[in-house]
């Protein structure tokens, strides 16, 4: 008797085995095979950014593209398989074709991981399985290194806005403020980007052409003690709970302000999940014990005046 298995039978057997794996899965796959049966090629994803490396079949983006599209996804494998990333806050999945909701099972898994200290979602590009308009399974296929995220959005740029004044009692006003300009270094280090308040001691031209007076020329100067002209910014995903994603402004002695409107997610780098109009920040703990700082990204300005 001829016991050789036909090619058609082998395909049916492989399809059945894959279906069984999907049925027993919990919504997040680390398998080497795509959820829908194809194979994820690191080569196909290596062009998502200007420079990348590969480890264990996962692409690691080390340098974003310049301009408004720092991360660029390849075409989706199919209508039921799409590349994308999670948006901040209540998670939704941003794809080239728009945003999709997650199933409750996928959300619970991600939430449990975040509450346990695993915040991989904050840097990951996934290949998702789509069924009935929802994401039923996600597989990590690439990640954007933390320095690359900060460089793409803030590297070498400036922000302007207001900083709360110091009162006669020694605390800080939450309503009265002075103009402030911050300029950032071009490259972050160890997940933190340094910056400098440029009108701390000198008058500086703003992006709109007005002249920002030096902060130290007033008795209400907010930059005293641990609040200095040298600052830093850092992303902190799930700071106080799952998906509570905050961008923090770091002062000396580990003091920091926080606010979520300018937290850039990977979806932000893909063109979705846009930053808010203003990054409103206040001091951790007792807000009146440090200067509130409200900022927005600007272009131009910076010369002395």
Protein backbone atom coordinates (compact mmCIF):
# COMPACT_ATOMS: atom_id res chain seq x y z
CA UNK A 1 0.00 0.00 0.00
CA UNK A 2 1.23 3.50 -0.82
CA UNK A 3 1.42 5.51 2.45
CA UNK A 4 2.89 8.72 0.95
CA UNK A 5 0.92 11.77 2.07
CA UNK A 6 -0.23 13.98 -0.76
CA UNK A 7 0.67 17.71 -0.84
CA UNK A 8 -3.02 18.59 -0.39
CA UNK A 9 -3.27 16.40 2.70
CA UNK A 10 -0.13 17.95 4.16
CA UNK A 11 -1.59 21.42 3.69
CA UNK A 12 -4.81 20.41 5.43
CA UNK A 13 -2.86 18.90 8.33
CA UNK A 14 -0.77 22.07 8.75
CA UNK A 15 -3.85 24.27 8.60
CA UNK A 16 -5.57 22.17 11.26
CA UNK A 17 -2.58 22.37 13.57
CA UNK A 18 -2.42 26.15 13.20
CA UNK A 19 -6.14 26.49 13.89
CA UNK A 20 -5.71 24.51 17.09
CA UNK A 21 -2.91 26.79 18.21
CA UNK A 22 -5.01 29.89 17.58
CA UNK A 23 -7.99 28.46 19.43
CA UNK A 24 -5.87 27.71 22.50
CA UNK A 25 -4.09 31.07 22.43
CA UNK A 26 -4.71 33.89 24.92
CA UNK A 27 -4.63 36.85 22.55
CA UNK A 28 -0.93 37.72 22.53
CA UNK A 29 1.38 35.55 20.48
CA UNK A 30 5.14 35.20 20.66
CA UNK A 31 5.26 32.43 18.05
CA UNK A 32 7.56 32.58 15.07
CA UNK A 33 4.57 32.34 12.73
CA UNK A 34 2.08 35.11 12.06
CA UNK A 35 -1.37 34.71 13.63
CA UNK A 36 -2.92 34.20 10.19
CA UNK A 37 -0.49 31.60 8.90
CA UNK A 38 2.11 33.65 7.00
CA UNK A 39 5.60 34.40 8.21
CA UNK A 40 6.79 37.74 9.51
CA UNK A 41 9.97 38.70 7.71
CA UNK A 42 12.38 40.97 9.58
CA UNK A 43 13.58 42.06 6.16
CA UNK A 44 10.12 43.40 5.35
CA UNK A 45 10.14 45.46 8.56
CA UNK A 46 13.76 46.62 8.44
CA UNK A 47 12.69 49.71 6.49
CA UNK A 48 10.38 51.03 9.19
CA UNK A 49 13.07 53.47 10.31
CA UNK A 50 16.36 54.95 9.12
CA UNK A 51 18.52 52.43 11.01
CA UNK A 52 17.73 49.17 12.78
CA UNK A 53 19.14 45.93 14.11
CA UNK A 54 17.62 42.46 14.42
CA UNK A 55 17.55 40.13 17.40
CA UNK A 56 15.63 36.86 17.58
CA UNK A 57 13.56 37.75 14.53
CA UNK A 58 12.44 41.11 15.95
CA UNK A 59 13.44 44.41 14.34
CA UNK A 60 14.82 47.04 16.73
CA UNK A 61 14.55 50.58 15.39
CA UNK A 62 17.54 52.63 16.56
CA UNK A 63 17.18 55.75 14.41
CA UNK A 64 13.94 57.32 13.17
CA UNK A 65 13.47 59.00 9.81
CA UNK A 66 13.60 62.81 9.88
CA UNK A 67 10.42 64.78 9.31
CA UNK A 68 6.78 64.11 10.02
CA UNK A 69 6.87 60.35 9.35
CA UNK A 70 9.63 59.03 11.61
CA UNK A 71 8.37 55.42 11.47
CA UNK A 72 6.93 53.90 8.28
CA UNK A 73 5.05 50.63 8.18
CA UNK A 74 5.11 48.25 5.21
CA UNK A 75 1.88 47.22 3.57
CA UNK A 76 -0.39 44.96 5.59
CA UNK A 77 -0.22 41.23 4.75
CA UNK A 78 -4.01 41.02 4.38
CA UNK A 79 -7.31 42.50 5.54
CA UNK A 80 -7.24 40.22 8.57
CA UNK A 81 -3.58 40.89 9.38
CA UNK A 82 -2.48 44.45 10.00
CA UNK A 83 0.59 46.16 11.38
CA UNK A 84 0.14 48.86 14.00
CA UNK A 85 0.73 50.08 17.52
CA UNK A 86 -1.25 50.91 20.64
CA UNK A 87 -2.47 54.41 21.32
CA UNK A 88 -2.05 55.92 24.79
CA UNK A 89 -4.77 55.91 27.40
CA UNK A 90 -7.61 53.44 26.90
CA UNK A 91 -5.86 51.27 24.33
CA UNK A 92 -6.89 51.18 20.70
CA UNK A 93 -4.86 49.76 17.83
CA UNK A 94 -3.69 52.27 15.21
CA UNK A 95 -3.13 50.89 11.70
CA UNK A 96 -2.52 52.36 8.27
CA UNK A 97 -6.25 52.05 7.67
CA UNK A 98 -7.40 53.64 10.92
CA UNK A 99 -8.00 52.70 14.55
CA UNK A 100 -9.43 49.38 15.70
CA UNK A 101 -10.70 48.33 19.14
CA UNK A 102 -9.12 45.47 21.09
CA UNK A 103 -11.11 42.52 22.33
CA UNK A 104 -11.61 42.35 26.08
CA UNK A 105 -9.23 39.39 26.30
CA UNK A 106 -6.35 41.26 24.64
CA UNK A 107 -7.00 44.35 26.78
CA UNK A 108 -7.02 42.33 29.99
CA UNK A 109 -3.75 40.65 29.09
CA UNK A 110 -2.04 43.95 28.33
CA UNK A 111 -3.45 45.51 31.49
CA UNK A 112 -2.23 42.64 33.64
CA UNK A 113 1.24 42.92 32.14
CA UNK A 114 1.34 46.70 32.69
CA UNK A 115 0.21 46.37 36.30
CA UNK A 116 2.97 43.81 36.74
CA UNK A 117 5.59 46.24 35.50
CA UNK A 118 5.82 45.04 31.88
CA UNK A 119 5.19 47.99 29.59
CA UNK A 120 6.46 46.53 26.32
CA UNK A 121 3.42 48.00 24.57
CA UNK A 122 4.99 51.47 24.88
CA UNK A 123 7.68 50.63 22.31
CA UNK A 124 6.20 47.84 20.21
CA UNK A 125 4.90 47.46 16.68
CA UNK A 126 2.57 44.47 16.41
CA UNK A 127 1.07 42.32 13.72
CA UNK A 128 -2.58 41.95 14.67
CA UNK A 129 -5.22 39.41 13.75
CA UNK A 130 -8.53 41.11 12.94
CA UNK A 131 -11.92 39.45 13.25
CA UNK A 132 -15.29 41.20 13.06
CA UNK A 133 -13.60 44.61 13.20
CA UNK A 134 -11.66 43.91 16.41
CA UNK A 135 -8.10 42.95 17.26
CA UNK A 136 -8.23 39.39 18.58
CA UNK A 137 -4.51 38.67 18.75
CA UNK A 138 -1.29 40.67 18.61
CA UNK A 139 2.24 39.54 17.93
CA UNK A 140 5.29 41.81 18.54
CA UNK A 141 7.32 42.13 15.36
CA UNK A 142 9.38 45.30 15.95
CA UNK A 143 10.20 47.78 18.67
CA UNK A 144 11.27 51.40 18.68
CA UNK A 145 14.10 52.04 21.12
CA UNK A 146 13.30 54.63 23.77
CA UNK A 147 15.97 57.06 22.62
CA UNK A 148 14.58 56.84 19.08
CA UNK A 149 11.06 57.76 20.28
CA UNK A 150 12.26 60.87 22.10
CA UNK A 151 14.61 61.87 19.28
CA UNK A 152 11.85 61.60 16.69
CA UNK A 153 9.54 64.01 18.51
CA UNK A 154 11.74 66.34 20.58
CA UNK A 155 15.37 65.99 19.48
CA UNK A 156 16.95 69.37 18.68
CA UNK A 157 13.63 71.19 18.99
CA UNK A 158 12.26 73.95 21.23
CA UNK A 159 9.21 74.42 23.39
CA UNK A 160 7.66 77.62 24.64
CA UNK A 161 4.95 78.49 27.11
CA UNK A 162 4.69 79.62 30.69
CA UNK A 163 6.21 78.82 34.07
CA UNK A 164 4.52 79.56 37.40
CA UNK A 165 6.08 82.32 39.53
CA UNK A 166 7.44 81.96 43.04
CA UNK A 167 5.33 83.73 45.65
CA UNK A 168 6.44 85.74 48.68
CA UNK A 169 5.49 82.76 50.85
CA UNK A 170 8.04 80.60 49.02
CA UNK A 171 5.61 78.37 47.17
CA UNK A 172 4.46 78.63 43.55
CA UNK A 173 1.47 80.24 41.95
CA UNK A 174 -0.81 77.99 39.92
CA UNK A 175 -2.29 80.97 38.06
CA UNK A 176 0.39 83.68 37.65
CA UNK A 177 3.15 82.81 35.20
CA UNK A 178 6.06 84.13 33.12
CA UNK A 179 7.04 83.29 29.53
CA UNK A 180 9.57 80.47 29.17
CA UNK A 181 11.54 78.85 26.36
CA UNK A 182 13.24 75.44 26.50
CA UNK A 183 15.66 74.06 23.91
CA UNK A 184 16.46 70.34 23.75
CA UNK A 185 19.61 68.44 22.90
CA UNK A 186 19.67 66.54 19.63
CA UNK A 187 20.08 63.05 21.08
CA UNK A 188 18.71 61.41 24.25
CA UNK A 189 20.79 59.18 26.49
CA UNK A 190 19.45 56.22 28.45
CA UNK A 191 15.86 57.16 27.70
CA UNK A 192 16.15 60.79 28.78
CA UNK A 193 16.52 63.95 26.71
CA UNK A 194 18.18 66.97 28.33
CA UNK A 195 17.03 70.52 27.82
CA UNK A 196 17.80 74.04 28.97
CA UNK A 197 15.61 77.01 29.86
CA UNK A 198 17.24 79.55 27.59
CA UNK A 199 15.69 82.68 29.11
CA UNK A 200 16.80 81.79 32.64
CA UNK A 201 19.37 84.62 32.71
CA UNK A 202 19.17 86.22 29.25
CA UNK A 203 16.44 87.72 27.11
CA UNK A 204 15.49 85.40 24.24
CA UNK A 205 13.48 85.93 21.06
CA UNK A 206 10.37 83.74 20.94
CA UNK A 207 9.15 81.80 17.93
CA UNK A 208 6.50 84.47 17.30
CA UNK A 209 9.00 87.31 17.53
CA UNK A 210 8.37 88.70 21.02
CA UNK A 211 11.18 89.04 23.54
CA UNK A 212 11.07 86.73 26.56
CA UNK A 213 12.59 88.53 29.54
CA UNK A 214 15.18 86.74 31.71
CA UNK A 215 13.53 84.98 34.63
CA UNK A 216 16.21 86.02 37.12
CA UNK A 217 15.37 89.70 36.68
CA UNK A 218 12.28 89.41 38.87
CA UNK A 219 11.74 88.66 42.55
CA UNK A 220 9.19 86.08 41.40
CA UNK A 221 11.94 84.09 39.63
CA UNK A 222 10.81 80.44 39.78
CA UNK A 223 14.31 79.03 39.19
CA UNK A 224 15.67 78.73 42.69
CA UNK A 225 17.12 75.81 44.63
CA UNK A 226 16.42 72.48 42.96
CA UNK A 227 14.46 74.17 40.17
CA UNK A 228 17.23 75.09 37.75
CA UNK A 229 17.57 75.99 34.08
CA UNK A 230 18.80 72.47 33.30
CA UNK A 231 15.92 70.04 32.85
CA UNK A 232 15.18 66.70 31.19
CA UNK A 233 12.19 64.87 29.78
CA UNK A 234 11.35 61.18 29.94
CA UNK A 235 8.41 58.96 29.04
CA UNK A 236 6.87 56.89 31.84
CA UNK A 237 4.22 54.43 30.59
CA UNK A 238 1.62 53.19 33.09
CA UNK A 239 2.96 55.50 35.79
CA UNK A 240 0.15 55.20 38.33
CA UNK A 241 -1.74 52.34 36.75
CA UNK A 242 -2.19 50.50 33.49
CA UNK A 243 -2.10 52.83 30.46
CA UNK A 244 -1.55 55.97 32.57
CA UNK A 245 1.15 57.20 30.19
CA UNK A 246 2.92 60.38 31.31
CA UNK A 247 5.65 62.57 29.89
CA UNK A 248 7.63 63.99 32.80
CA UNK A 249 9.78 67.10 33.12
CA UNK A 250 12.70 66.34 35.40
CA UNK A 251 14.25 68.89 37.76
CA UNK A 252 17.26 68.43 40.01
CA UNK A 253 17.05 66.11 43.04
CA UNK A 254 14.58 63.83 41.22
CA UNK A 255 11.72 66.32 41.40
CA UNK A 256 9.47 66.18 38.37
CA UNK A 257 6.38 67.62 36.73
CA UNK A 258 4.01 65.39 34.81
CA UNK A 259 1.39 65.66 32.10
CA UNK A 260 0.01 63.24 29.52
CA UNK A 261 -0.97 65.50 26.60
CA UNK A 262 2.54 65.42 25.06
CA UNK A 263 3.35 61.79 25.73
CA UNK A 264 4.31 60.33 22.32
CA UNK A 265 3.22 56.75 21.74
CA UNK A 266 4.53 54.55 18.94
CA UNK A 267 1.20 55.26 17.27
CA UNK A 268 2.15 58.97 17.39
CA UNK A 269 5.24 58.16 15.34
CA UNK A 270 3.02 56.34 12.82
CA UNK A 271 0.87 59.44 12.28
CA UNK A 272 -1.94 58.63 14.71
CA UNK A 273 -2.46 59.54 18.38
CA UNK A 274 -1.45 63.15 17.85
CA UNK A 275 -0.04 65.26 20.67
CA UNK A 276 -2.35 67.66 22.45
CA UNK A 277 -2.28 71.44 21.83
CA UNK A 278 -0.44 72.12 25.11
CA UNK A 279 1.60 70.05 27.52
CA UNK A 280 0.22 71.11 30.91
CA UNK A 281 2.43 69.89 33.76
CA UNK A 282 2.45 70.23 37.51
CA UNK A 283 4.76 68.99 40.24
CA UNK A 284 4.36 65.46 41.60
CA UNK A 285 3.09 65.41 45.17
CA UNK A 286 2.07 68.92 46.20
CA UNK A 287 1.76 70.98 42.99
CA UNK A 288 2.20 74.34 44.74
CA UNK A 289 5.68 73.31 45.95
CA UNK A 290 7.11 73.58 42.43
CA UNK A 291 6.48 75.67 39.31
CA UNK A 292 3.77 74.49 36.93
CA UNK A 293 5.08 74.54 33.36
CA UNK A 294 2.80 74.59 30.30
CA UNK A 295 4.53 74.16 26.94
CA UNK A 296 4.09 73.51 23.22
CA UNK A 297 6.53 72.65 20.46
CA UNK A 298 7.58 75.62 18.33
CA UNK A 299 9.70 76.37 15.29
CA UNK A 300 12.04 79.35 15.12
CA UNK A 301 13.13 81.87 17.72
CA UNK A 302 15.98 81.44 20.16
CA UNK A 303 18.24 84.39 19.45
CA UNK A 304 19.09 86.99 22.07
CA UNK A 305 17.05 90.19 22.12
